[in-house]
Each structure stands twice: as structure tokens, then as C-alpha cells.
Amino acid sequence: MASANPRQLTAASNRMQLKKERRMFSTSDDSAMTKQVQATHAPDGREIDVKPLIQIVDEILIQIIARSVEGHEHVID
């Protein structure tokens, strides 16, 4: 029986940790998060065009999804 490669174990451990973090975030208390945002938000009247930022995030997500569909995995250090 072959033993697991240490890099494979690390990658698997990282994936498990990410899943745990996602699960914790998805079950977090929305009202507590809303209260924190409201408590720390200090509008100063400026308006910011967020479309370029959203386009960057969109492109990143497209690349991540494409890689996961193709079977590529990227381990975050």
C-alpha cells in the first residue's frame, strides 16, 4: 500500500479548512454582521464607481471556475 504524498496531504488539509471556513461564514449571524457594518460605516458623501472592481472580481471568479471545471487545483498558501 502506497503512502500519501505530504504535498497531497497538505492540499487536502487546505481544502478541508476552506470548506470549514465557508460553512462558518454561511451560518454566521446576518443581523450581527449588519449591526457591525452599520456601527463602523461613516459615510463622507463621496461616491465611488464600483463597476471596475466588480469586473475584476468577476474575471477572477470566471478563471477560478474554469480551472475547477478543467480539473486544475490551486492550493492557497
N, C-alpha and C. Protein backbone atom coordinates (compact mmCIF):
# COMPACT_ATOMS: atom_id res chain seq x y z
N MET A 1 0.83 -1.17 0.00
CA MET A 1 0.00 0.00 0.00
C MET A 1 0.88 1.24 0.00
N ALA A 2 0.64 2.18 -0.92
CA ALA A 2 1.45 3.39 -1.05
C ALA A 2 1.00 4.42 -0.02
N SER A 3 1.98 5.12 0.54
CA SER A 3 1.64 6.18 1.49
C SER A 3 1.36 7.47 0.74
N ALA A 4 0.59 8.35 1.35
CA ALA A 4 0.20 9.61 0.72
C ALA A 4 1.39 10.57 0.68
N ASN A 5 1.49 11.29 -0.37
CA ASN A 5 2.50 12.32 -0.56
C ASN A 5 2.20 13.45 0.43
N PRO A 6 3.23 14.00 1.12
CA PRO A 6 3.00 15.10 2.06
C PRO A 6 2.32 16.31 1.40
N ARG A 7 2.64 16.58 0.13
CA ARG A 7 2.01 17.72 -0.56
C ARG A 7 0.52 17.45 -0.77
N GLN A 8 0.18 16.18 -1.05
CA GLN A 8 -1.23 15.83 -1.23
C GLN A 8 -1.98 15.99 0.09
N LEU A 9 -1.35 15.59 1.19
CA LEU A 9 -1.97 15.74 2.49
C LEU A 9 -2.18 17.21 2.82
N THR A 10 -1.19 18.05 2.53
CA THR A 10 -1.32 19.48 2.78
C THR A 10 -2.43 20.08 1.94
N ALA A 11 -2.51 19.71 0.66
CA ALA A 11 -3.55 20.22 -0.22
C ALA A 11 -4.93 19.79 0.29
N ALA A 12 -5.05 18.55 0.70
CA ALA A 12 -6.32 18.05 1.22
C ALA A 12 -6.69 18.78 2.51
N SER A 13 -5.72 19.01 3.36
CA SER A 13 -5.96 19.73 4.61
C SER A 13 -6.41 21.16 4.33
N ASN A 14 -5.76 21.82 3.36
CA ASN A 14 -6.14 23.18 2.99
C ASN A 14 -7.57 23.23 2.46
N ARG A 15 -7.94 22.26 1.63
CA ARG A 15 -9.30 22.22 1.08
C ARG A 15 -10.32 22.03 2.20
N MET A 16 -10.01 21.17 3.15
CA MET A 16 -10.92 20.92 4.26
C MET A 16 -11.09 22.19 5.10
N GLN A 17 -9.98 22.90 5.33
CA GLN A 17 -10.04 24.14 6.12
C GLN A 17 -10.90 25.18 5.41
N LEU A 18 -10.74 25.32 4.08
CA LEU A 18 -11.54 26.27 3.32
C LEU A 18 -13.02 25.93 3.40
N LYS A 19 -13.35 24.64 3.32
CA LYS A 19 -14.75 24.22 3.42
C LYS A 19 -15.31 24.58 4.79
N LYS A 20 -14.52 24.37 5.86
CA LYS A 20 -14.98 24.72 7.21
C LYS A 20 -15.22 26.21 7.32
N GLU A 21 -14.31 27.03 6.77
CA GLU A 21 -14.46 28.47 6.84
C GLU A 21 -15.69 28.92 6.07
N ARG A 22 -15.92 28.35 4.88
CA ARG A 22 -17.12 28.70 4.11
C ARG A 22 -18.38 28.35 4.87
N ARG A 23 -18.37 27.18 5.51
CA ARG A 23 -19.54 26.74 6.26
C ARG A 23 -19.79 27.69 7.43
N MET A 24 -18.73 28.11 8.13
CA MET A 24 -18.89 29.03 9.25
C MET A 24 -19.44 30.37 8.76
N PHE A 25 -18.93 30.86 7.63
CA PHE A 25 -19.40 32.13 7.11
C PHE A 25 -20.86 32.04 6.70
N SER A 26 -21.23 30.94 6.07
CA SER A 26 -22.60 30.81 5.60
C SER A 26 -23.60 30.67 6.74
N THR A 27 -23.14 30.24 7.90
CA THR A 27 -24.04 30.09 9.03
C THR A 27 -23.89 31.23 10.04
N SER A 28 -23.12 32.26 9.67
CA SER A 28 -22.92 33.36 10.60
C SER A 28 -24.22 34.15 10.78
N ASP A 29 -24.28 34.90 11.83
CA ASP A 29 -25.47 35.68 12.16
C ASP A 29 -25.50 36.94 11.31
N ASP A 30 -26.43 37.00 10.36
CA ASP A 30 -26.53 38.15 9.46
C ASP A 30 -26.84 39.43 10.21
N SER A 31 -27.66 39.35 11.23
CA SER A 31 -28.01 40.58 11.96
C SER A 31 -26.79 41.14 12.69
N ALA A 32 -25.94 40.28 13.22
CA ALA A 32 -24.73 40.75 13.89
C ALA A 32 -23.79 41.40 12.89
N MET A 33 -23.68 40.82 11.70
CA MET A 33 -22.83 41.39 10.67
C MET A 33 -23.39 42.74 10.22
N THR A 34 -24.70 42.82 10.06
CA THR A 34 -25.34 44.07 9.66
C THR A 34 -25.10 45.15 10.71
N LYS A 35 -25.24 44.79 11.97
CA LYS A 35 -25.00 45.75 13.06
C LYS A 35 -23.57 46.25 13.04
N GLN A 36 -22.60 45.36 12.78
CA GLN A 36 -21.20 45.77 12.75
C GLN A 36 -20.95 46.73 11.59
N VAL A 37 -21.51 46.44 10.43
CA VAL A 37 -21.34 47.32 9.27
C VAL A 37 -21.95 48.69 9.58
N GLN A 38 -23.15 48.70 10.13
CA GLN A 38 -23.80 49.96 10.45
C GLN A 38 -23.02 50.75 11.50
N ALA A 39 -22.44 50.05 12.48
CA ALA A 39 -21.69 50.72 13.55
C ALA A 39 -20.38 51.31 13.05
N THR A 40 -19.79 50.70 12.05
CA THR A 40 -18.47 51.16 11.58
C THR A 40 -18.55 52.00 10.32
N HIS A 41 -19.73 52.09 9.71
CA HIS A 41 -19.88 52.83 8.46
C HIS A 41 -19.98 54.32 8.76
N ALA A 42 -19.10 55.10 8.16
CA ALA A 42 -19.11 56.54 8.36
C ALA A 42 -19.09 57.22 6.99
N PRO A 43 -20.25 57.39 6.37
CA PRO A 43 -20.28 57.99 5.03
C PRO A 43 -19.76 59.43 5.05
N ASP A 44 -18.99 59.77 4.03
CA ASP A 44 -18.45 61.13 3.93
C ASP A 44 -18.93 61.85 2.68
N GLY A 45 -19.94 61.30 2.01
CA GLY A 45 -20.53 61.96 0.87
C GLY A 45 -19.90 61.61 -0.47
N ARG A 46 -18.75 60.90 -0.46
CA ARG A 46 -18.11 60.53 -1.72
C ARG A 46 -18.86 59.38 -2.36
N GLU A 47 -18.86 59.40 -3.68
CA GLU A 47 -19.42 58.28 -4.44
C GLU A 47 -18.31 57.64 -5.23
N ILE A 48 -18.30 56.33 -5.24
CA ILE A 48 -17.24 55.58 -5.91
C ILE A 48 -17.87 54.67 -6.95
N ASP A 49 -17.29 54.67 -8.15
CA ASP A 49 -17.75 53.77 -9.20
C ASP A 49 -17.17 52.39 -8.92
N VAL A 50 -18.03 51.46 -8.54
CA VAL A 50 -17.58 50.13 -8.17
C VAL A 50 -17.58 49.15 -9.34
N LYS A 51 -18.06 49.58 -10.50
CA LYS A 51 -18.12 48.68 -11.65
C LYS A 51 -16.75 48.09 -12.01
N PRO A 52 -15.68 48.89 -12.07
CA PRO A 52 -14.37 48.28 -12.38
C PRO A 52 -13.95 47.21 -11.37
N LEU A 53 -14.22 47.46 -10.11
CA LEU A 53 -13.89 46.48 -9.07
C LEU A 53 -14.70 45.20 -9.25
N ILE A 54 -15.98 45.35 -9.53
CA ILE A 54 -16.84 44.18 -9.74
C ILE A 54 -16.40 43.41 -10.98
N GLN A 55 -15.96 44.12 -12.02
CA GLN A 55 -15.48 43.44 -13.23
C GLN A 55 -14.22 42.63 -12.93
N ILE A 56 -13.34 43.14 -12.10
CA ILE A 56 -12.12 42.41 -11.72
C ILE A 56 -12.50 41.14 -10.95
N VAL A 57 -13.38 41.29 -9.98
CA VAL A 57 -13.83 40.13 -9.19
C VAL A 57 -14.50 39.11 -10.10
N ASP A 58 -15.30 39.58 -11.03
CA ASP A 58 -15.98 38.70 -11.99
C ASP A 58 -14.97 37.91 -12.81
N GLU A 59 -13.94 38.57 -13.31
CA GLU A 59 -12.91 37.89 -14.10
C GLU A 59 -12.16 36.85 -13.27
N ILE A 60 -11.88 37.18 -12.02
CA ILE A 60 -11.21 36.23 -11.13
C ILE A 60 -12.07 34.99 -10.92
N LEU A 61 -13.35 35.22 -10.65
CA LEU A 61 -14.26 34.08 -10.44
C LEU A 61 -14.40 33.23 -11.69
N ILE A 62 -14.46 33.87 -12.85
CA ILE A 62 -14.53 33.12 -14.11
C ILE A 62 -13.31 32.22 -14.26
N GLN A 63 -12.12 32.74 -13.96
CA GLN A 63 -10.90 31.96 -14.07
C GLN A 63 -10.89 30.79 -13.07
N ILE A 64 -11.32 31.06 -11.86
CA ILE A 64 -11.34 30.00 -10.83
C ILE A 64 -12.32 28.90 -11.23
N ILE A 65 -13.49 29.28 -11.69
CA ILE A 65 -14.48 28.29 -12.10
C ILE A 65 -13.98 27.48 -13.29
N ALA A 66 -13.38 28.17 -14.26
CA ALA A 66 -12.86 27.47 -15.44
C ALA A 66 -11.79 26.46 -15.05
N ARG A 67 -10.92 26.83 -14.13
CA ARG A 67 -9.87 25.91 -13.69
C ARG A 67 -10.44 24.72 -12.94
N SER A 68 -11.45 24.97 -12.11
CA SER A 68 -12.02 23.86 -11.35
C SER A 68 -12.78 22.91 -12.27
N VAL A 69 -13.40 23.43 -13.32
CA VAL A 69 -14.10 22.58 -14.28
C VAL A 69 -13.10 21.75 -15.07
N GLU A 70 -11.95 22.34 -15.37
CA GLU A 70 -10.92 21.64 -16.13
C GLU A 70 -10.14 20.65 -15.27
N GLY A 71 -10.38 20.67 -13.96
CA GLY A 71 -9.70 19.73 -13.08
C GLY A 71 -8.42 20.26 -12.47
N HIS A 72 -8.10 21.52 -12.70
CA HIS A 72 -6.92 22.11 -12.10
C HIS A 72 -7.23 22.53 -10.68
N GLU A 73 -6.26 22.36 -9.82
CA GLU A 73 -6.42 22.79 -8.44
C GLU A 73 -5.30 23.74 -8.10
N HIS A 74 -5.64 24.80 -7.40
CA HIS A 74 -4.63 25.75 -6.96
C HIS A 74 -4.68 25.80 -5.44
N VAL A 75 -3.58 25.44 -4.81
CA VAL A 75 -3.52 25.43 -3.36
C VAL A 75 -3.10 26.82 -2.90
N ILE A 76 -3.90 27.40 -2.00
CA ILE A 76 -3.59 28.71 -1.46
C ILE A 76 -2.67 28.53 -0.28
N ASP A 77 -1.55 29.22 -0.28
CA ASP A 77 -0.59 29.11 0.82
C ASP A 77 -0.96 30.01 1.97
